[in-house]
């Protein structure tokens, strides 16, 4: 597990939208992130904790999922990609 600055974790917190009415919320809890209502096959929607493997990529101990955050040229977080096995889904940060 990588150690990253808490302010960087805070910058990832927010609401991300895959499609209208299909959102997840990311919050910071201590030294890691929590995705609320992440769709996980075959479990369904569940809360998952994600731990840093780098400054922009996070892994789950509960599932094999990886979340990678994207930033614009100014360093502002603009979205994320959830990698679930061979499947990748991209979401835009809305809040």
Foldseek 3Di string as FASTA:
>chain_A
DDFDDVVLLQLPFAWWALDVVRIWTWDDDPRWIKIAQDQDPPVGTHIFIWHDPDSFKTATPVARKMKGWDADPVRRTFWIWIDHPPDITIITGDD
